[in-house]
Protein backbone atom coordinates (compact mmCIF):
# COMPACT_ATOMS: atom_id res chain seq x y z
CA MET A 1 -24.18 59.44 -70.94
CA SER A 2 -25.86 59.62 -67.56
CA LEU A 3 -28.73 57.39 -66.52
CA ALA A 4 -31.06 60.40 -66.39
CA GLU A 5 -30.17 61.36 -69.97
CA ARG A 6 -30.66 57.78 -71.18
CA LYS A 7 -34.09 57.66 -69.52
CA ASP A 8 -35.03 61.00 -71.06
CA ARG A 9 -33.96 59.85 -74.51
CA TYR A 10 -35.82 56.56 -74.07
CA GLU A 11 -39.03 58.35 -73.05
CA HIS A 12 -38.73 60.72 -76.01
CA LEU A 13 -38.25 57.75 -78.37
CA MET A 14 -41.22 55.88 -76.92
CA ARG A 15 -43.50 58.93 -77.29
CA ALA A 16 -42.51 59.20 -80.94
CA ILE A 17 -43.13 55.49 -81.52
CA ARG A 18 -46.56 55.62 -79.88
CA ALA A 19 -47.52 58.65 -81.95
CA ALA A 20 -46.46 56.97 -85.20
CA ASP A 21 -48.21 53.63 -84.78
CA LEU A 22 -49.82 51.82 -87.69
CA ASP A 23 -53.38 52.80 -86.78
CA ALA A 24 -52.46 56.49 -86.68
CA TRP A 25 -50.60 56.18 -89.98
CA ARG A 26 -53.61 54.47 -91.59
CA ASP A 27 -56.05 57.06 -90.27
CA ASN A 28 -53.88 59.95 -91.47
CA PHE A 29 -53.36 58.31 -94.87
CA LEU A 30 -57.07 57.70 -95.39
CA ARG A 31 -57.95 61.23 -94.25
CA ASP A 32 -55.45 62.67 -96.73
CA LEU A 33 -56.68 60.37 -99.49
CA ARG A 34 -60.30 61.41 -98.94
CA SER A 35 -59.38 65.07 -99.04
CA PHE A 36 -57.43 64.71 -102.28
CA VAL A 37 -59.02 66.60 -105.15
CA SER A 38 -58.14 64.92 -108.40
CA GLN A 39 -57.30 67.00 -111.40
CA PRO A 40 -58.74 66.15 -114.80
CA ARG A 41 -56.41 64.00 -116.82
CA VAL A 42 -57.33 65.60 -120.13
CA SER A 43 -55.78 68.98 -120.73
CA LYS A 44 -57.62 71.75 -122.56
CA VAL A 45 -55.37 71.25 -125.60
CA GLU A 46 -56.17 67.54 -125.72
CA GLU A 47 -59.86 68.28 -125.17
CA ALA A 48 -59.90 70.74 -128.09
CA SER A 49 -58.18 68.16 -130.30
CA LEU A 50 -60.74 65.53 -129.37
CA GLU A 51 -63.63 67.89 -130.15
CA ARG A 52 -62.34 68.28 -133.72
CA LEU A 53 -62.72 64.55 -134.33
């Protein structure tokens, strides 16, 4: 592998590492968590059964 190719690969790797740092991961995770819309845990069938009690 030529020196130029090694340098190119190294630069590509370093860009990927900088883009995937812990702070960016945390920010993306928290953004996704905040945008999560939870679904009700009780289904309509279970709800109907509970209403009969």
